[in-house]
Amino acid sequence: MKIGDKLSGQVSGVQKYGIFVKLENGQQGLIHISELRHGYVPNVENMYRIGDKVEVIVMGIDEFNHKISLSIRALHKQKIGHPILHKHFWTDYKDKIGFQTIQSQRKRWIDEAISEIIEK
């Protein structure tokens, strides 16, 4: 086994900080909570159960204590942002319609306002 290998395994333990996975070759590795998926993980216990099958990638192997770091997140491409559901292109056609209406009424409104001021 080497860094970058894609392996299958079975969840053998679930902790608040991540999950332990027993790999096909009998070795055990840890997937830290930050390597479970892109984004926030609210509760590991709700996502995985002992016995669940998982696909992982080897992120690191500590040669001194033989600890294996695994990742599920590295197998999935990160989606950035939200999909564009509707493109909005700036135009002034609505502004022209609205201001033309006001412009055509402006002189009458000013005359009415001046008349009211003079009467008072």
PDB file of N, CA and C in Angstrom:
ATOM      1  N   MET A   1       0.842  -1.171   0.000  1.00  0.00           N
ATOM      2  CA  MET A   1       0.000   0.000   0.000  1.00  0.00           C
ATOM      3  C   MET A   1       0.892   1.240   0.000  1.00  0.00           C
ATOM      4  N   LYS A   2       0.421   2.272  -0.766  1.00  0.00           N
ATOM      5  CA  LYS A   2       1.176   3.522  -0.826  1.00  0.00           C
ATOM      6  C   LYS A   2       0.209   4.699  -0.882  1.00  0.00           C
ATOM      7  N   ILE A   3       0.729   5.882  -0.650  1.00  0.00           N
ATOM      8  CA  ILE A   3      -0.096   7.092  -0.688  1.00  0.00           C
ATOM      9  C   ILE A   3      -0.692   7.244  -2.080  1.00  0.00           C
ATOM     10  N   GLY A   4      -1.990   7.538  -2.114  1.00  0.00           N
ATOM     11  CA  GLY A   4      -2.698   7.708  -3.373  1.00  0.00           C
ATOM     12  C   GLY A   4      -3.480   6.483  -3.804  1.00  0.00           C
ATOM     13  N   ASP A   5      -3.254   5.341  -3.151  1.00  0.00           N
ATOM     14  CA  ASP A   5      -3.999   4.123  -3.488  1.00  0.00           C
ATOM     15  C   ASP A   5      -5.468   4.276  -3.130  1.00  0.00           C
ATOM     16  N   LYS A   6      -6.333   3.787  -4.012  1.00  0.00           N
ATOM     17  CA  LYS A   6      -7.765   3.760  -3.739  1.00  0.00           C
ATOM     18  C   LYS A   6      -8.106   2.357  -3.252  1.00  0.00           C
ATOM     19  N   LEU A   7      -8.729   2.287  -2.096  1.00  0.00           N
ATOM     20  CA  LEU A   7      -9.022   1.001  -1.466  1.00  0.00           C
ATOM     21  C   LEU A   7     -10.462   0.938  -0.992  1.00  0.00           C
ATOM     22  N   SER A   8     -10.918  -0.282  -0.746  1.00  0.00           N
ATOM     23  CA  SER A   8     -12.225  -0.506  -0.139  1.00  0.00           C
ATOM     24  C   SER A   8     -12.010  -0.940   1.293  1.00  0.00           C
ATOM     25  N   GLY A   9     -13.002  -0.634   2.107  1.00  0.00           N
ATOM     26  CA  GLY A   9     -12.911  -1.040   3.497  1.00  0.00           C
ATOM     27  C   GLY A   9     -14.269  -1.043   4.155  1.00  0.00           C
ATOM     28  N   GLN A  10     -14.248  -1.342   5.442  1.00  0.00           N
ATOM     29  CA  GLN A  10     -15.477  -1.428   6.204  1.00  0.00           C
ATOM     30  C   GLN A  10     -15.290  -0.612   7.486  1.00  0.00           C
ATOM     31  N   VAL A  11     -16.283   0.192   7.828  1.00  0.00           N
ATOM     32  CA  VAL A  11     -16.207   1.011   9.026  1.00  0.00           C
ATOM     33  C   VAL A  11     -16.136   0.104  10.241  1.00  0.00           C
ATOM     34  N   SER A  12     -15.089   0.296  11.054  1.00  0.00           N
ATOM     35  CA  SER A  12     -14.908  -0.536  12.243  1.00  0.00           C
ATOM     36  C   SER A  12     -15.070   0.261  13.538  1.00  0.00           C
ATOM     37  N   GLY A  13     -15.165   1.576  13.421  1.00  0.00           N
ATOM     38  CA  GLY A  13     -15.378   2.410  14.596  1.00  0.00           C
ATOM     39  C   GLY A  13     -15.804   3.804  14.197  1.00  0.00           C
ATOM     40  N   VAL A  14     -16.671   4.388  15.031  1.00  0.00           N
ATOM     41  CA  VAL A  14     -17.169   5.737  14.763  1.00  0.00           C
ATOM     42  C   VAL A  14     -16.920   6.589  16.004  1.00  0.00           C
ATOM     43  N   GLN A  15     -16.207   7.684  15.810  1.00  0.00           N
ATOM     44  CA  GLN A  15     -15.915   8.619  16.892  1.00  0.00           C
ATOM     45  C   GLN A  15     -16.324  10.019  16.444  1.00  0.00           C
ATOM     46  N   LYS A  16     -16.388  10.958  17.385  1.00  0.00           N
ATOM     47  CA  LYS A  16     -16.755  12.330  17.041  1.00  0.00           C
ATOM     48  C   LYS A  16     -15.734  12.971  16.110  1.00  0.00           C
ATOM     49  N   TYR A  17     -14.500  12.525  16.152  1.00  0.00           N
ATOM     50  CA  TYR A  17     -13.433  13.120  15.355  1.00  0.00           C
ATOM     51  C   TYR A  17     -13.196  12.406  14.029  1.00  0.00           C
ATOM     52  N   GLY A  18     -13.915  11.323  13.750  1.00  0.00           N
ATOM     53  CA  GLY A  18     -13.740  10.612  12.484  1.00  0.00           C
ATOM     54  C   GLY A  18     -14.176   9.160  12.581  1.00  0.00           C
ATOM     55  N   ILE A  19     -13.830   8.397  11.543  1.00  0.00           N
ATOM     56  CA  ILE A  19     -14.194   6.972  11.542  1.00  0.00           C
ATOM     57  C   ILE A  19     -12.962   6.115  11.277  1.00  0.00           C
ATOM     58  N   PHE A  20     -12.970   4.939  11.896  1.00  0.00           N
ATOM     59  CA  PHE A  20     -11.913   3.962  11.658  1.00  0.00           C
ATOM     60  C   PHE A  20     -12.400   2.989  10.607  1.00  0.00           C
ATOM     61  N   VAL A  21     -11.499   2.625   9.705  1.00  0.00           N
ATOM     62  CA  VAL A  21     -11.851   1.738   8.599  1.00  0.00           C
ATOM     63  C   VAL A  21     -10.882   0.571   8.571  1.00  0.00           C
ATOM     64  N   LYS A  22     -11.454  -0.643   8.538  1.00  0.00           N
ATOM     65  CA  LYS A  22     -10.643  -1.845   8.362  1.00  0.00           C
ATOM     66  C   LYS A  22     -10.543  -2.083   6.860  1.00  0.00           C
ATOM     67  N   LEU A  23      -9.325  -2.028   6.366  1.00  0.00           N
ATOM     68  CA  LEU A  23      -9.087  -2.165   4.928  1.00  0.00           C
ATOM     69  C   LEU A  23      -9.068  -3.624   4.507  1.00  0.00           C
ATOM     70  N   GLU A  24      -9.149  -3.853   3.192  1.00  0.00           N
ATOM     71  CA  GLU A  24      -9.163  -5.213   2.641  1.00  0.00           C
ATOM     72  C   GLU A  24      -7.938  -6.025   3.061  1.00  0.00           C
ATOM     73  N   ASN A  25      -6.796  -5.342   3.237  1.00  0.00           N
ATOM     74  CA  ASN A  25      -5.567  -6.059   3.581  1.00  0.00           C
ATOM     75  C   ASN A  25      -5.432  -6.330   5.087  1.00  0.00           C
ATOM     76  N   GLY A  26      -6.477  -5.990   5.866  1.00  0.00           N
ATOM     77  CA  GLY A  26      -6.462  -6.251   7.296  1.00  0.00           C
ATOM     78  C   GLY A  26      -5.970  -5.089   8.142  1.00  0.00           C
ATOM     79  N   GLN A  27      -5.342  -4.116   7.530  1.00  0.00           N
ATOM     80  CA  GLN A  27      -4.875  -2.960   8.273  1.00  0.00           C
ATOM     81  C   GLN A  27      -6.038  -2.021   8.567  1.00  0.00           C
ATOM     82  N   GLN A  28      -5.831  -1.179   9.564  1.00  0.00           N
ATOM     83  CA  GLN A  28      -6.872  -0.232   9.939  1.00  0.00           C
ATOM     84  C   GLN A  28      -6.353   1.192   9.768  1.00  0.00           C
ATOM     85  N   GLY A  29      -7.219   2.081   9.293  1.00  0.00           N
ATOM     86  CA  GLY A  29      -6.856   3.479   9.106  1.00  0.00           C
ATOM     87  C   GLY A  29      -7.941   4.382   9.661  1.00  0.00           C
ATOM     88  N   LEU A  30      -7.612   5.661   9.749  1.00  0.00           N
ATOM     89  CA  LEU A  30      -8.547   6.650  10.273  1.00  0.00           C
ATOM     90  C   LEU A  30      -8.874   7.670   9.192  1.00  0.00           C
ATOM     91  N   ILE A  31     -10.167   7.962   9.070  1.00  0.00           N
ATOM     92  CA  ILE A  31     -10.609   9.085   8.244  1.00  0.00           C
ATOM     93  C   ILE A  31     -11.005  10.183   9.213  1.00  0.00           C
ATOM     94  N   HIS A  32     -10.199  11.226   9.273  1.00  0.00           N
ATOM     95  CA  HIS A  32     -10.506  12.356  10.151  1.00  0.00           C
ATOM     96  C   HIS A  32     -11.782  13.029   9.654  1.00  0.00           C
ATOM     97  N   ILE A  33     -12.529  13.641  10.552  1.00  0.00           N
ATOM     98  CA  ILE A  33     -13.801  14.282  10.203  1.00  0.00           C
ATOM     99  C   ILE A  33     -13.644  15.268   9.048  1.00  0.00           C
ATOM    100  N   SER A  34     -12.494  15.927   8.970  1.00  0.00           N
ATOM    101  CA  SER A  34     -12.261  16.899   7.895  1.00  0.00           C
ATOM    102  C   SER A  34     -12.065  16.235   6.534  1.00  0.00           C
ATOM    103  N   GLU A  35     -11.846  14.931   6.518  1.00  0.00           N
ATOM    104  CA  GLU A  35     -11.635  14.203   5.268  1.00  0.00           C
ATOM    105  C   GLU A  35     -12.849  13.353   4.865  1.00  0.00           C
ATOM    106  N   LEU A  36     -13.971  13.513   5.576  1.00  0.00           N
ATOM    107  CA  LEU A  36     -15.163  12.743   5.239  1.00  0.00           C
ATOM    108  C   LEU A  36     -15.873  13.288   4.004  1.00  0.00           C
ATOM    109  N   ARG A  37     -15.963  14.602   3.931  1.00  0.00           N
ATOM    110  CA  ARG A  37     -16.618  15.230   2.775  1.00  0.00           C
ATOM    111  C   ARG A  37     -16.224  16.697   2.725  1.00  0.00           C
ATOM    112  N   HIS A  38     -16.513  17.341   1.608  1.00  0.00           N
ATOM    113  CA  HIS A  38     -16.283  18.777   1.482  1.00  0.00           C
ATOM    114  C   HIS A  38     -17.332  19.495   2.321  1.00  0.00           C
ATOM    115  N   GLY A  39     -16.935  20.527   3.013  1.00  0.00           N
ATOM    116  CA  GLY A  39     -17.882  21.304   3.804  1.00  0.00           C
ATOM    117  C   GLY A  39     -17.992  20.800   5.227  1.00  0.00           C
ATOM    118  N   TYR A  40     -18.954  21.342   5.911  1.00  0.00           N
ATOM    119  CA  TYR A  40     -19.171  21.067   7.330  1.00  0.00           C
ATOM    120  C   TYR A  40     -19.805  19.699   7.543  1.00  0.00           C
ATOM    121  N   VAL A  41     -19.301  18.966   8.539  1.00  0.00           N
ATOM    122  CA  VAL A  41     -19.870  17.674   8.925  1.00  0.00           C
ATOM    123  C   VAL A  41     -20.494  17.869  10.309  1.00  0.00           C
ATOM    124  N   PRO A  42     -21.809  17.915  10.387  1.00  0.00           N
ATOM    125  CA  PRO A  42     -22.452  18.209  11.669  1.00  0.00           C
ATOM    126  C   PRO A  42     -22.358  17.080  12.689  1.00  0.00           C
ATOM    127  N   ASN A  43     -22.432  15.825  12.236  1.00  0.00           N
ATOM    128  CA  ASN A  43     -22.457  14.719  13.180  1.00  0.00           C
ATOM    129  C   ASN A  43     -22.007  13.435  12.479  1.00  0.00           C
ATOM    130  N   VAL A  44     -20.843  12.953  12.854  1.00  0.00           N
ATOM    131  CA  VAL A  44     -20.287  11.748  12.222  1.00  0.00           C
ATOM    132  C   VAL A  44     -21.166  10.531  12.514  1.00  0.00           C
ATOM    133  N   GLU A  45     -21.681  10.452  13.742  1.00  0.00           N
ATOM    134  CA  GLU A  45     -22.483   9.289  14.145  1.00  0.00           C
ATOM    135  C   GLU A  45     -23.740   9.123  13.290  1.00  0.00           C
ATOM    136  N   ASN A  46     -24.251  10.221  12.739  1.00  0.00           N
ATOM    137  CA  ASN A  46     -25.447  10.143  11.886  1.00  0.00           C
ATOM    138  C   ASN A  46     -25.113   9.772  10.445  1.00  0.00           C
ATOM    139  N   MET A  47     -23.845   9.896  10.079  1.00  0.00           N
ATOM    140  CA  MET A  47     -23.444   9.638   8.700  1.00  0.00           C
ATOM    141  C   MET A  47     -22.987   8.194   8.463  1.00  0.00           C
ATOM    142  N   TYR A  48     -22.313   7.610   9.458  1.00  0.00           N
ATOM    143  CA  TYR A  48     -21.708   6.284   9.278  1.00  0.00           C
ATOM    144  C   TYR A  48     -22.044   5.365  10.448  1.00  0.00           C
ATOM    145  N   ARG A  49     -22.147   4.092  10.138  1.00  0.00           N
ATOM    146  CA  ARG A  49     -22.395   3.050  11.131  1.00  0.00           C
ATOM    147  C   ARG A  49     -21.321   1.972  10.972  1.00  0.00           C
ATOM    148  N   ILE A  50     -21.041   1.277  12.047  1.00  0.00           N
ATOM    149  CA  ILE A  50     -20.090   0.158  11.985  1.00  0.00           C
ATOM    150  C   ILE A  50     -20.620  -0.867  10.995  1.00  0.00           C
ATOM    151  N   GLY A  51     -19.746  -1.300  10.102  1.00  0.00           N
ATOM    152  CA  GLY A  51     -20.127  -2.266   9.073  1.00  0.00           C
ATOM    153  C   GLY A  51     -20.370  -1.647   7.705  1.00  0.00           C
ATOM    154  N   ASP A  52     -20.524  -0.325   7.644  1.00  0.00           N
ATOM    155  CA  ASP A  52     -20.721   0.343   6.353  1.00  0.00           C
ATOM    156  C   ASP A  52     -19.506   0.123   5.456  1.00  0.00           C
ATOM    157  N   LYS A  53     -19.752  -0.122   4.191  1.00  0.00           N
ATOM    158  CA  LYS A  53     -18.674  -0.257   3.204  1.00  0.00           C
ATOM    159  C   LYS A  53     -18.328   1.137   2.683  1.00  0.00           C
ATOM    160  N   VAL A  54     -17.034   1.404   2.557  1.00  0.00           N
ATOM    161  CA  VAL A  54     -16.586   2.707   2.070  1.00  0.00           C
ATOM    162  C   VAL A  54     -15.421   2.550   1.105  1.00  0.00           C
ATOM    163  N   GLU A  55     -15.338   3.482   0.174  1.00  0.00           N
ATOM    164  CA  GLU A  55     -14.190   3.599  -0.726  1.00  0.00           C
ATOM    165  C   GLU A  55     -13.343   4.738  -0.194  1.00  0.00           C
ATOM    166  N   VAL A  56     -12.040   4.533  -0.094  1.00  0.00           N
ATOM    167  CA  VAL A  56     -11.145   5.543   0.480  1.00  0.00           C
ATOM    168  C   VAL A  56      -9.892   5.691  -0.374  1.00  0.00           C
ATOM    169  N   ILE A  57      -9.170   6.753  -0.086  1.00  0.00           N
ATOM    170  CA  ILE A  57      -7.864   6.949  -0.707  1.00  0.00           C
ATOM    171  C   ILE A  57      -6.858   7.146   0.426  1.00  0.00           C
ATOM    172  N   VAL A  58      -5.679   6.575   0.267  1.00  0.00           N
ATOM    173  CA  VAL A  58      -4.636   6.672   1.288  1.00  0.00           C
ATOM    174  C   VAL A  58      -3.991   8.054   1.186  1.00  0.00           C
ATOM    175  N   MET A  59      -4.053   8.811   2.293  1.00  0.00           N
ATOM    176  CA  MET A  59      -3.496  10.159   2.329  1.00  0.00           C
ATOM    177  C   MET A  59      -2.110  10.188   2.973  1.00  0.00           C
ATOM    178  N   GLY A  60      -1.882   9.266   3.887  1.00  0.00           N
ATOM    179  CA  GLY A  60      -0.597   9.261   4.565  1.00  0.00           C
ATOM    180  C   GLY A  60      -0.376   7.975   5.334  1.00  0.00           C
ATOM    181  N   ILE A  61       0.906   7.597   5.456  1.00  0.00           N
ATOM    182  CA  ILE A  61       1.294   6.412   6.224  1.00  0.00           C
ATOM    183  C   ILE A  61       2.444   6.828   7.133  1.00  0.00           C
ATOM    184  N   ASP A  62       2.226   6.733   8.433  1.00  0.00           N
ATOM    185  CA  ASP A  62       3.274   7.063   9.390  1.00  0.00           C
ATOM    186  C   ASP A  62       4.176   5.840   9.543  1.00  0.00           C
ATOM    187  N   GLU A  63       5.415   5.957   9.111  1.00  0.00           N
ATOM    188  CA  GLU A  63       6.337   4.819   9.121  1.00  0.00           C
ATOM    189  C   GLU A  63       6.727   4.384  10.524  1.00  0.00           C
ATOM    190  N   PHE A  64       6.669   5.287  11.502  1.00  0.00           N
ATOM    191  CA  PHE A  64       7.115   4.957  12.849  1.00  0.00           C
ATOM    192  C   PHE A  64       6.056   4.245  13.677  1.00  0.00           C
ATOM    193  N   ASN A  65       4.803   4.736  13.628  1.00  0.00           N
ATOM    194  CA  ASN A  65       3.764   4.075  14.428  1.00  0.00           C
ATOM    195  C   ASN A  65       2.738   3.347  13.558  1.00  0.00           C
ATOM    196  N   HIS A  66       2.969   3.326  12.248  1.00  0.00           N
ATOM    197  CA  HIS A  66       2.162   2.576  11.275  1.00  0.00           C
ATOM    198  C   HIS A  66       0.697   3.013  11.235  1.00  0.00           C
ATOM    199  N   LYS A  67       0.441   4.285  11.526  1.00  0.00           N
ATOM    200  CA  LYS A  67      -0.917   4.815  11.412  1.00  0.00           C
ATOM    201  C   LYS A  67      -1.175   5.217   9.969  1.00  0.00           C
ATOM    202  N   ILE A  68      -2.378   4.917   9.507  1.00  0.00           N
ATOM    203  CA  ILE A  68      -2.751   5.195   8.118  1.00  0.00           C
ATOM    204  C   ILE A  68      -3.843   6.263   8.107  1.00  0.00           C
ATOM    205  N   SER A  69      -3.607   7.336   7.375  1.00  0.00           N
ATOM    206  CA  SER A  69      -4.603   8.400   7.220  1.00  0.00           C
ATOM    207  C   SER A  69      -5.327   8.188   5.901  1.00  0.00           C
ATOM    208  N   LEU A  70      -6.652   8.202   5.983  1.00  0.00           N
ATOM    209  CA  LEU A  70      -7.489   7.947   4.808  1.00  0.00           C
ATOM    210  C   LEU A  70      -8.388   9.149   4.520  1.00  0.00           C
ATOM    211  N   SER A  71      -8.962   9.155   3.329  1.00  0.00           N
ATOM    212  CA  SER A  71      -9.877  10.229   2.947  1.00  0.00           C
ATOM    213  C   SER A  71     -10.956   9.705   2.020  1.00  0.00           C
ATOM    214  N   ILE A  72     -12.161  10.173   2.244  1.00  0.00           N
ATOM    215  CA  ILE A  72     -13.261   9.964   1.295  1.00  0.00           C
ATOM    216  C   ILE A  72     -13.408  11.233   0.461  1.00  0.00           C
ATOM    217  N   ARG A  73     -13.198  12.351   1.106  1.00  0.00           N
ATOM    218  CA  ARG A  73     -13.338  13.661   0.459  1.00  0.00           C
ATOM    219  C   ARG A  73     -12.464  13.772  -0.791  1.00  0.00           C
ATOM    220  N   ALA A  74     -11.267  13.222  -0.753  1.00  0.00           N
ATOM    221  CA  ALA A  74     -10.335  13.334  -1.881  1.00  0.00           C
ATOM    222  C   ALA A  74     -10.829  12.593  -3.124  1.00  0.00           C
ATOM    223  N   LEU A  75     -11.784  11.697  -2.954  1.00  0.00           N
ATOM    224  CA  LEU A  75     -12.333  10.955  -4.093  1.00  0.00           C
ATOM    225  C   LEU A  75     -13.407  11.738  -4.846  1.00  0.00           C
ATOM    226  N   HIS A  76     -13.911  12.793  -4.228  1.00  0.00           N
ATOM    227  CA  HIS A  76     -15.022  13.546  -4.813  1.00  0.00           C
ATOM    228  C   HIS A  76     -14.570  14.951  -5.184  1.00  0.00           C
ATOM    229  N   LYS A  77     -14.876  15.331  -6.396  1.00  0.00           N
ATOM    230  CA  LYS A  77     -14.533  16.672  -6.860  1.00  0.00           C
ATOM    231  C   LYS A  77     -15.383  17.689  -6.102  1.00  0.00           C
ATOM    232  N   GLN A  78     -14.742  18.760  -5.662  1.00  0.00           N
ATOM    233  CA  GLN A  78     -15.453  19.791  -4.919  1.00  0.00           C
ATOM    234  C   GLN A  78     -16.259  20.655  -5.861  1.00  0.00           C
ATOM    235  N   LYS A  79     -17.513  20.867  -5.499  1.00  0.00           N
ATOM    236  CA  LYS A  79     -18.370  21.759  -6.266  1.00  0.00           C
ATOM    237  C   LYS A  79     -18.278  23.132  -5.625  1.00  0.00           C
ATOM    238  N   ILE A  80     -17.939  24.112  -6.428  1.00  0.00           N
ATOM    239  CA  ILE A  80     -17.753  25.462  -5.909  1.00  0.00           C
ATOM    240  C   ILE A  80     -18.948  26.315  -6.312  1.00  0.00           C
ATOM    241  N   GLY A  81     -19.525  26.982  -5.342  1.00  0.00           N
ATOM    242  CA  GLY A  81     -20.621  27.918  -5.606  1.00  0.00           C
ATOM    243  C   GLY A  81     -21.935  27.211  -5.863  1.00  0.00           C
ATOM    244  N   HIS A  82     -22.885  27.995  -6.300  1.00  0.00           N
ATOM    245  CA  HIS A  82     -24.225  27.499  -6.592  1.00  0.00           C
ATOM    246  C   HIS A  82     -24.445  27.524  -8.101  1.00  0.00           C
ATOM    247  N   PRO A  83     -25.242  26.612  -8.603  1.00  0.00           N
ATOM    248  CA  PRO A  83     -25.516  26.641 -10.041  1.00  0.00           C
ATOM    249  C   PRO A  83     -26.300  27.905 -10.404  1.00  0.00           C
ATOM    250  N   ILE A  84     -26.025  28.411 -11.579  1.00  0.00           N
ATOM    251  CA  ILE A  84     -26.752  29.598 -12.042  1.00  0.00           C
ATOM    252  C   ILE A  84     -28.082  29.128 -12.606  1.00  0.00           C
ATOM    253  N   LEU A  85     -29.158  29.484 -11.910  1.00  0.00           N
ATOM    254  CA  LEU A  85     -30.476  29.059 -12.351  1.00  0.00           C
ATOM    255  C   LEU A  85     -31.069  30.033 -13.372  1.00  0.00           C
ATOM    256  N   HIS A  86     -30.691  31.290 -13.246  1.00  0.00           N
ATOM    257  CA  HIS A  86     -31.206  32.299 -14.163  1.00  0.00           C
ATOM    258  C   HIS A  86     -30.145  33.375 -14.328  1.00  0.00           C
ATOM    259  N   LYS A  87     -29.715  33.586 -15.531  1.00  0.00           N
ATOM    260  CA  LYS A  87     -28.743  34.647 -15.795  1.00  0.00           C
ATOM    261  C   LYS A  87     -29.494  35.958 -15.949  1.00  0.00           C
ATOM    262  N   HIS A  88     -28.956  36.982 -15.323  1.00  0.00           N
ATOM    263  CA  HIS A  88     -29.557  38.309 -15.452  1.00  0.00           C
ATOM    264  C   HIS A  88     -28.558  39.229 -16.133  1.00  0.00           C
ATOM    265  N   PHE A  89     -28.937  39.721 -17.258  1.00  0.00           N
ATOM    266  CA  PHE A  89     -28.095  40.662 -17.970  1.00  0.00           C
ATOM    267  C   PHE A  89     -28.661  42.057 -17.758  1.00  0.00           C
ATOM    268  N   TRP A  90     -27.804  42.992 -17.391  1.00  0.00           N
ATOM    269  CA  TRP A  90     -28.261  44.339 -17.119  1.00  0.00           C
ATOM    270  C   TRP A  90     -28.671  45.027 -18.418  1.00  0.00           C
ATOM    271  N   THR A  91     -29.868  45.524 -18.410  1.00  0.00           N
ATOM    272  CA  THR A  91     -30.343  46.356 -19.516  1.00  0.00           C
ATOM    273  C   THR A  91     -31.091  47.527 -18.896  1.00  0.00           C
ATOM    274  N   ASP A  92     -31.275  48.562 -19.669  1.00  0.00           N
ATOM    275  CA  ASP A  92     -31.983  49.725 -19.143  1.00  0.00           C
ATOM    276  C   ASP A  92     -33.362  49.878 -19.777  1.00  0.00           C
ATOM    277  N   TYR A  93     -33.862  48.846 -20.432  1.00  0.00           N
ATOM    278  CA  TYR A  93     -35.142  49.002 -21.115  1.00  0.00           C
ATOM    279  C   TYR A  93     -36.271  49.283 -20.132  1.00  0.00           C
ATOM    280  N   LYS A  94     -36.236  48.703 -18.928  1.00  0.00           N
ATOM    281  CA  LYS A  94     -37.285  48.972 -17.935  1.00  0.00           C
ATOM    282  C   LYS A  94     -37.145  50.377 -17.378  1.00  0.00           C
ATOM    283  N   ASP A  95     -35.904  50.831 -17.212  1.00  0.00           N
ATOM    284  CA  ASP A  95     -35.683  52.184 -16.711  1.00  0.00           C
ATOM    285  C   ASP A  95     -36.236  53.208 -17.688  1.00  0.00           C
ATOM    286  N   LYS A  96     -36.024  52.999 -18.972  1.00  0.00           N
ATOM    287  CA  LYS A  96     -36.505  53.949 -19.976  1.00  0.00           C
ATOM    288  C   LYS A  96     -38.025  54.011 -19.963  1.00  0.00           C
ATOM    289  N   ILE A  97     -38.673  52.876 -19.850  1.00  0.00           N
ATOM    290  CA  ILE A  97     -40.138  52.860 -19.825  1.00  0.00           C
ATOM    291  C   ILE A  97     -40.641  53.604 -18.599  1.00  0.00           C
ATOM    292  N   GLY A  98     -40.057  53.300 -17.439  1.00  0.00           N
ATOM    293  CA  GLY A  98     -40.492  53.924 -16.192  1.00  0.00           C
ATOM    294  C   GLY A  98     -40.255  55.416 -16.167  1.00  0.00           C
ATOM    295  N   PHE A  99     -39.093  55.871 -16.569  1.00  0.00           N
ATOM    296  CA  PHE A  99     -38.781  57.289 -16.532  1.00  0.00           C
ATOM    297  C   PHE A  99     -39.528  58.058 -17.618  1.00  0.00           C
ATOM    298  N   GLN A 100     -39.842  57.444 -18.743  1.00  0.00           N
ATOM    299  CA  GLN A 100     -40.622  58.147 -19.769  1.00  0.00           C
ATOM    300  C   GLN A 100     -42.017  58.444 -19.236  1.00  0.00           C
ATOM    301  N   THR A 101     -42.578  57.511 -18.485  1.00  0.00           N
ATOM    302  CA  THR A 101     -43.899  57.723 -17.904  1.00  0.00           C
ATOM    303  C   THR A 101     -43.862  58.893 -16.925  1.00  0.00           C
ATOM    304  N   ILE A 102     -42.843  58.921 -16.086  1.00  0.00           N
ATOM    305  CA  ILE A 102     -42.701  60.013 -15.123  1.00  0.00           C
ATOM    306  C   ILE A 102     -42.456  61.329 -15.851  1.00  0.00           C
ATOM    307  N   GLN A 103     -41.610  61.301 -16.852  1.00  0.00           N
ATOM    308  CA  GLN A 103     -41.283  62.520 -17.590  1.00  0.00           C
ATOM    309  C   GLN A 103     -42.523  63.111 -18.257  1.00  0.00           C
ATOM    310  N   SER A 104     -43.380  62.273 -18.768  1.00  0.00           N
ATOM    311  CA  SER A 104     -44.574  62.792 -19.442  1.00  0.00           C
ATOM    312  C   SER A 104     -45.547  63.416 -18.439  1.00  0.00           C
ATOM    313  N   GLN A 105     -45.503  63.026 -17.191  1.00  0.00           N
ATOM    314  CA  GLN A 105     -46.402  63.552 -16.167  1.00  0.00           C
ATOM    315  C   GLN A 105     -45.759  64.664 -15.329  1.00  0.00           C
ATOM    316  N   ARG A 106     -44.446  64.822 -15.433  1.00  0.00           N
ATOM    317  CA  ARG A 106     -43.702  65.736 -14.563  1.00  0.00           C
ATOM    318  C   ARG A 106     -44.230  67.172 -14.620  1.00  0.00           C
ATOM    319  N   LYS A 107     -44.409  67.722 -15.790  1.00  0.00           N
ATOM    320  CA  LYS A 107     -44.852  69.122 -15.915  1.00  0.00           C
ATOM    321  C   LYS A 107     -46.205  69.309 -15.251  1.00  0.00           C
ATOM    322  N   ARG A 108     -47.150  68.398 -15.452  1.00  0.00           N
ATOM    323  CA  ARG A 108     -48.480  68.511 -14.844  1.00  0.00           C
ATOM    324  C   ARG A 108     -48.373  68.468 -13.326  1.00  0.00           C
ATOM    325  N   TRP A 109     -47.535  67.549 -12.788  1.00  0.00           N
ATOM    326  CA  TRP A 109     -47.374  67.433 -11.336  1.00  0.00           C
ATOM    327  C   TRP A 109     -46.764  68.698 -10.747  1.00  0.00           C
ATOM    328  N   ILE A 110     -45.771  69.264 -11.425  1.00  0.00           N
ATOM    329  CA  ILE A 110     -45.146  70.502 -10.935  1.00  0.00           C
ATOM    330  C   ILE A 110     -46.161  71.641 -10.941  1.00  0.00           C
ATOM    331  N   ASP A 111     -46.916  71.751 -12.019  1.00  0.00           N
ATOM    332  CA  ASP A 111     -47.928  72.813 -12.109  1.00  0.00           C
ATOM    333  C   ASP A 111     -48.968  72.662 -10.998  1.00  0.00           C
ATOM    334  N   GLU A 112     -49.421  71.440 -10.755  1.00  0.00           N
ATOM    335  CA  GLU A 112     -50.399  71.204  -9.687  1.00  0.00           C
ATOM    336  C   GLU A 112     -49.815  71.564  -8.327  1.00  0.00           C
ATOM    337  N   ALA A 113     -48.554  71.192  -8.085  1.00  0.00           N
ATOM    338  CA  ALA A 113     -47.917  71.487  -6.805  1.00  0.00           C
ATOM    339  C   ALA A 113     -47.778  72.987  -6.601  1.00  0.00           C
ATOM    340  N   ILE A 114     -47.378  73.714  -7.633  1.00  0.00           N
ATOM    341  CA  ILE A 114     -47.231  75.172  -7.529  1.00  0.00           C
ATOM    342  C   ILE A 114     -48.589  75.811  -7.270  1.00  0.00           C
ATOM    343  N   SER A 115     -49.623  75.340  -7.932  1.00  0.00           N
ATOM    344  CA  SER A 115     -50.968  75.868  -7.710  1.00  0.00           C
ATOM    345  C   SER A 115     -51.410  75.679  -6.272  1.00  0.00           C
ATOM    346  N   GLU A 116     -51.152  74.497  -5.704  1.00  0.00           N
ATOM    347  CA  GLU A 116     -51.505  74.220  -4.311  1.00  0.00           C
ATOM    348  C   GLU A 116     -50.748  75.123  -3.363  1.00  0.00           C
ATOM    349  N   ILE A 117     -49.485  75.402  -3.649  1.00  0.00           N
ATOM    350  CA  ILE A 117     -48.660  76.255  -2.802  1.00  0.00           C
ATOM    351  C   ILE A 117     -49.196  77.690  -2.836  1.00  0.00           C
ATOM    352  N   ILE A 118     -49.554  78.169  -4.004  1.00  0.00           N
ATOM    353  CA  ILE A 118     -50.059  79.531  -4.162  1.00  0.00           C
ATOM    354  C   ILE A 118     -51.397  79.680  -3.428  1.00  0.00           C
ATOM    355  N   GLU A 119     -52.270  78.694  -3.511  1.00  0.00           N
ATOM    356  CA  GLU A 119     -53.582  78.752  -2.856  1.00  0.00           C
ATOM    357  C   GLU A 119     -53.432  78.825  -1.345  1.00  0.00           C
ATOM    358  N   LYS A 120     -52.431  78.163  -0.783  1.00  0.00           N
ATOM    359  CA  LYS A 120     -52.245  78.136   0.664  1.00  0.00           C
ATOM    360  C   LYS A 120     -51.581  79.395   1.079  1.00  0.00           C
TER     361      LYS A 120
END
